[in-house]
Protein backbone atom coordinates (compact mmCIF):
# COMPACT_ATOMS: atom_id res chain seq x y z
CA MET A 1 111.50 121.24 122.24
CA LYS A 2 111.82 117.57 122.66
CA THR A 3 109.10 115.65 120.90
CA LEU A 4 107.56 112.36 121.98
CA LYS A 5 109.29 110.68 119.07
CA ASN A 6 112.63 112.06 120.22
CA TYR A 7 111.89 110.77 123.72
CA TYR A 8 111.14 107.32 122.37
CA LEU A 9 114.36 107.31 120.29
CA GLU A 10 116.44 108.34 123.24
CA LEU A 11 115.24 105.24 125.20
CA VAL A 12 115.94 103.03 122.27
CA GLU A 13 119.39 104.54 121.94
CA HIS A 14 120.08 103.89 125.57
CA THR A 15 119.26 100.20 125.23
CA PHE A 16 121.28 99.96 122.06
CA PHE A 17 124.36 101.38 123.72
CA GLU A 18 123.81 99.04 126.71
CA TRP A 19 124.11 96.21 124.26
CA VAL A 20 127.17 97.70 122.66
CA SER A 21 128.98 98.51 125.88
CA MET A 22 128.01 95.60 128.14
CA GLY A 23 126.96 92.90 125.63
CA TYR A 24 123.50 92.66 126.99
CA CYS A 25 120.36 94.63 127.70
CA SER A 26 119.68 95.30 131.37
CA GLY A 27 115.83 95.47 130.88
CA ALA A 28 115.82 91.85 129.47
CA LYS A 29 118.12 90.57 132.20
CA LYS A 30 115.92 92.18 134.92
CA ILE A 31 112.78 90.42 133.65
CA ASN A 32 114.65 87.15 133.35
CA ASP A 33 115.81 87.36 136.91
CA ILE A 34 112.23 87.96 138.09
CA ILE A 35 111.00 84.99 135.98
CA GLY A 36 113.75 82.83 137.29
CA TYR A 37 115.40 81.66 134.04
CA GLU A 38 116.58 82.93 130.59
CA TYR A 39 113.22 83.52 128.98
CA PHE A 40 114.11 86.57 126.96
CA GLY A 41 117.08 87.09 124.74
CA ILE A 42 119.28 89.74 126.25
CA THR A 43 120.98 90.99 122.98
CA ASN A 44 119.88 92.67 119.74
CA PRO A 45 116.75 94.60 121.01
CA HIS A 46 114.07 94.95 118.30
CA PHE A 47 111.73 97.90 119.20
CA PHE A 48 110.15 98.66 115.87
CA THR A 49 110.11 97.91 112.15
CA GLY A 50 109.16 100.33 109.39
CA ASP A 51 108.19 103.97 109.34
CA LEU A 52 108.01 105.70 112.73
CA ASP A 53 105.81 108.38 111.15
CA SER A 54 103.33 106.07 109.47
CA ASP A 55 99.54 106.50 109.60
CA LEU A 56 99.19 102.80 110.08
CA VAL A 57 100.40 101.23 113.34
CA LEU A 58 100.35 97.60 114.42
CA ILE A 59 101.47 96.58 117.89
CA HIS A 60 102.61 93.12 118.70
CA LEU A 61 103.98 91.50 121.84
CA ASN A 62 107.63 90.87 120.94
CA PRO A 63 109.95 89.50 118.29
CA LYS A 64 109.90 85.75 117.96
CA ARG A 65 113.33 84.08 118.38
CA ASP A 66 114.75 80.85 119.72
CA VAL A 67 116.72 81.78 122.80
CA ASP A 68 119.63 79.57 123.87
CA SER A 69 119.02 79.25 127.62
CA LYS A 70 122.57 78.12 128.32
CA THR A 71 124.36 81.11 126.82
CA ASN A 72 121.46 83.39 126.17
CA LYS A 73 122.96 84.94 123.07
CA TYR A 74 120.78 85.49 120.15
CA PRO A 75 121.83 86.26 117.52
CA LYS A 76 125.29 85.02 118.51
CA PHE A 77 127.21 88.14 117.62
CA SER A 78 127.82 91.54 119.05
CA ALA A 79 126.31 94.81 117.83
CA LYS A 80 129.46 95.54 115.79
CA GLU A 81 129.51 92.03 114.27
CA SER A 82 125.89 92.39 113.20
CA GLY A 83 126.78 95.38 110.90
CA PHE A 84 125.67 98.13 113.32
CA SER A 85 128.75 100.37 113.44
CA ASN A 86 126.59 103.08 115.17
CA PHE A 87 123.06 103.83 116.36
CA GLU A 88 122.19 105.42 112.95
CA ASP A 89 123.03 102.02 111.25
CA TYR A 90 120.77 100.28 113.80
CA ILE A 91 117.78 102.65 113.14
CA ASN A 92 118.28 102.45 109.43
CA TYR A 93 118.21 98.63 109.49
CA TYR A 94 114.88 98.40 111.22
CA SER A 95 113.50 101.37 109.28
CA ASN A 96 114.26 99.56 106.00
CA PHE A 97 114.03 95.91 107.13
CA GLY A 98 111.69 95.02 104.27
CA LYS A 99 113.92 96.62 101.57
CA ILE A 100 117.07 95.09 102.96
CA ASN A 101 115.55 91.54 103.23
CA TYR A 102 113.06 91.45 100.37
CA GLY A 103 113.68 94.51 98.11
CA LEU A 104 117.28 93.53 97.11
CA LYS A 105 117.16 90.51 94.82
CA SER A 106 120.58 89.43 96.14
CA ASN A 107 119.29 89.21 99.67
CA ARG A 108 115.97 87.48 99.69
CA LYS A 109 116.88 84.78 102.31
CA HIS A 110 114.43 86.08 104.99
CA LYS A 111 111.35 83.90 104.95
CA SER A 112 108.36 84.67 107.23
CA PRO A 113 104.81 83.33 106.97
CA PHE A 114 103.99 86.14 109.38
CA ASP A 115 104.97 88.78 106.81
CA HIS A 116 102.69 87.06 104.21
CA LYS A 117 99.89 87.10 106.71
CA GLN A 118 100.33 90.76 107.13
CA ILE A 119 99.83 91.34 103.42
CA ARG A 120 96.48 89.55 103.56
CA PHE A 121 95.31 91.27 106.70
CA LEU A 122 96.31 94.89 105.63
CA LYS A 123 95.36 94.75 102.04
CA PRO A 124 91.79 95.81 102.61
CA PHE A 125 92.97 99.03 104.33
CA ASN A 126 94.16 100.32 100.97
CA LEU A 127 96.92 102.33 102.53
CA LEU A 128 99.93 100.28 101.34
CA PRO A 129 101.16 99.56 97.79
CA LEU A 130 100.42 95.83 97.79
CA ASP A 131 99.25 95.27 94.16
CA ASN A 132 102.66 94.62 92.67
CA SER A 133 103.16 91.48 90.67
CA ASP A 134 106.52 91.14 92.50
CA ARG A 135 105.70 89.34 95.72
CA PHE A 136 108.93 90.39 97.18
CA LEU A 137 108.09 94.04 96.66
CA ASN A 138 104.79 93.51 98.42
CA LEU A 139 106.67 91.98 101.37
CA ALA A 140 109.07 94.88 101.45
CA ASN A 141 106.19 97.44 101.37
CA VAL A 142 104.04 95.81 104.03
CA ILE A 143 107.01 95.95 106.35
CA ASP A 144 108.49 99.33 105.56
CA LYS A 145 105.40 101.43 104.71
CA LYS A 146 103.73 100.96 108.07
CA LEU A 147 104.95 100.95 111.65
CA GLN A 148 105.16 97.72 113.62
CA LEU A 149 105.90 98.18 117.36
CA GLU A 150 107.00 95.42 119.72
CA LEU A 151 105.65 95.75 123.22
CA ILE A 152 108.79 94.00 124.62
CA PRO A 153 111.87 94.57 122.33
CA PHE A 154 113.53 91.29 123.55
CA GLY A 155 113.00 88.09 121.65
CA SER A 156 111.57 84.80 122.93
CA LYS A 157 110.18 81.68 121.27
CA ASP A 158 106.79 82.25 122.81
CA PHE A 159 105.04 84.83 125.09
CA ASN A 160 103.39 83.48 128.22
CA PHE A 161 101.54 86.53 129.59
CA ARG A 162 101.09 85.07 133.07
CA LYS A 163 104.62 84.09 133.33
CA VAL A 164 106.02 87.44 132.26
CA GLY A 165 103.69 89.31 134.59
CA LEU A 166 101.64 92.52 134.01
CA SER A 167 103.85 94.60 136.26
CA ASN A 168 106.93 93.91 134.13
CA LEU A 169 105.08 95.29 131.03
CA LYS A 170 103.70 98.51 132.27
CA SER A 171 106.72 100.66 131.52
CA TYR A 172 106.89 99.27 128.03
CA ILE A 173 103.23 99.88 127.14
CA GLU A 174 103.56 103.49 128.28
CA LEU A 175 106.59 104.00 126.03
CA ILE A 176 104.66 102.72 123.00
CA LEU A 177 101.64 104.89 123.79
CA MET A 178 103.78 107.99 124.11
CA LEU A 179 105.23 107.44 120.67
CA ILE A 180 101.83 106.68 119.08
CA VAL A 181 100.10 109.80 120.47
CA GLY A 182 102.98 112.04 119.34
CA GLN A 183 101.26 112.57 115.91
CA LYS A 184 98.07 111.88 114.10
CA ARG A 185 97.50 108.22 113.05
CA LYS A 186 94.69 106.79 110.89
CA TYR A 187 94.79 103.28 112.28
CA VAL A 188 96.25 101.93 115.50
CA ILE A 189 95.71 98.21 116.06
CA PHE A 190 96.87 96.14 119.01
CA CYS A 191 97.20 92.49 117.88
CA GLY A 192 96.36 90.12 120.65
CA THR A 193 94.03 89.38 123.49
CA VAL A 194 96.41 90.24 126.20
CA PHE A 195 96.26 93.93 125.28
CA ARG A 196 92.86 94.19 126.88
CA ASP A 197 94.56 93.79 130.28
CA LEU A 198 97.55 95.83 129.39
CA LEU A 199 95.53 98.86 128.28
CA LYS A 200 92.88 98.84 131.01
CA ASP A 201 94.47 101.70 132.89
CA TYR A 202 94.33 103.89 129.77
CA ILE A 203 90.97 102.97 128.36
CA VAL A 204 88.24 105.52 128.82
CA GLU A 205 85.70 104.07 126.36
CA GLN A 206 85.36 100.79 124.56
CA ASN A 207 83.02 98.80 122.26
CA ARG A 208 83.35 95.20 121.50
CA ILE A 209 81.83 93.97 118.19
CA ALA A 210 81.66 90.31 117.59
CA PHE A 211 81.15 88.63 114.16
CA LYS A 212 81.84 85.44 112.08
CA LEU A 213 83.99 85.40 109.02
CA LYS A 214 83.16 83.92 105.62
CA LYS A 215 85.48 81.27 104.52
CA LYS A 216 86.62 80.50 100.91
CA ASP A 217 83.90 77.91 100.58
CA GLY A 218 81.26 80.39 101.48
CA GLN A 219 80.52 78.99 104.84
CA GLU A 220 80.88 80.97 108.05
CA THR A 221 83.50 80.20 110.72
CA ILE A 222 82.21 78.31 113.75
CA ASN A 223 83.89 80.60 116.20
CA GLU A 224 83.31 84.25 116.54
CA PHE A 225 85.97 86.86 115.92
CA GLU A 226 85.90 90.42 117.30
CA ILE A 227 87.22 93.99 117.20
CA ILE A 228 87.39 96.01 120.40
CA ASN A 229 87.29 99.75 119.61
CA ILE A 230 88.79 101.72 122.40
CA ILE A 231 89.63 105.28 123.30
CA ILE A 232 92.77 105.57 125.36
CA SER A 233 93.87 108.62 127.22
CA ILE A 234 97.53 109.41 128.11
CA ASN A 235 99.13 112.75 129.08
CA GLY A 236 95.81 114.48 128.53
CA GLN A 237 95.54 113.26 124.90
CA ASP A 238 92.73 110.89 123.64
CA LEU A 239 93.35 108.45 120.83
CA ILE A 240 91.00 106.08 118.99
CA CYS A 241 92.51 102.57 118.67
CA ALA A 242 91.37 99.05 118.27
CA ILE A 243 92.32 95.58 119.60
CA ALA A 244 92.25 92.68 117.14
CA PRO A 245 92.21 89.76 119.61
CA GLN A 246 92.30 86.96 117.07
CA PHE A 247 95.10 88.32 114.82
CA ALA A 248 97.53 85.56 115.91
CA LYS A 249 94.96 82.84 115.50
CA GLN A 250 95.95 80.08 112.98
CA GLY A 251 94.03 78.94 109.97
CA TYR A 252 91.30 81.56 109.71
CA PRO A 253 90.42 83.74 106.63
CA VAL A 254 92.89 86.54 107.32
CA GLU A 255 91.91 89.05 104.60
CA GLU A 256 88.27 88.72 105.61
CA TYR A 257 89.25 89.56 109.25
CA GLY A 258 91.29 92.56 107.94
CA LEU A 259 88.20 93.76 105.99
CA LYS A 260 86.04 93.55 109.05
CA VAL A 261 88.52 95.29 111.33
CA LYS A 262 88.85 98.07 108.77
CA SER A 263 85.14 98.55 108.20
CA LEU A 264 84.26 98.51 111.89
CA TYR A 265 87.28 100.55 113.16
CA GLY A 266 86.23 103.45 115.33
CA LYS A 267 82.57 102.40 115.71
CA PHE A 268 81.18 103.22 119.17
């Protein structure tokens, strides 16, 4: 019997072989045609990073990449030139992205402030081995020991929700939800305000909790932060999740936000 995970991987495989055979992904091209210009990169789709079976799932909008609007090729190589000789290589790369880019001392060229931010946000959850003195091993673990899903697997330098359009995202959000509900998860966190609108057709119950965070100097933040606990229903299955609207915000006490999200998760 085909599992929801198998269904998800079949769609990922279909997109991968589109890239291999045609040199581009039709889904990205379709959205670009609707928008009216080359907004998303049409090559090298990035659906997920890490462990597809993880208890901890974070969902983001899409991979951040600079897209060359003249040639729309990013990265500027084919699937074969990227080192993906087959679909198994492709899945292995994104399943072990942290180990490949941070775990091997000979290959620590990948630098991402976003990855460091994830360590600070997720450390209070106490689900990942993040107490190593080797900061590169911490980076590898925060990437590979959880599951990070991209709503849209096509890269862009920003994500303008109004420009992309809600209707163009519906099939992608359903694909992600099908994968998530395929097995038990401890924490499922949607990172970003736009998920309130994207998930509205699936939410059967919600509870917004607002709070302020304590900064390093002991003072509270001027602005409020929040967690929105939700229960979503899809295919007759209910799942407790949360939206962390301020995850992408700059310059706030990230670890304190992670602690609040963890302590308030699932409260209705």
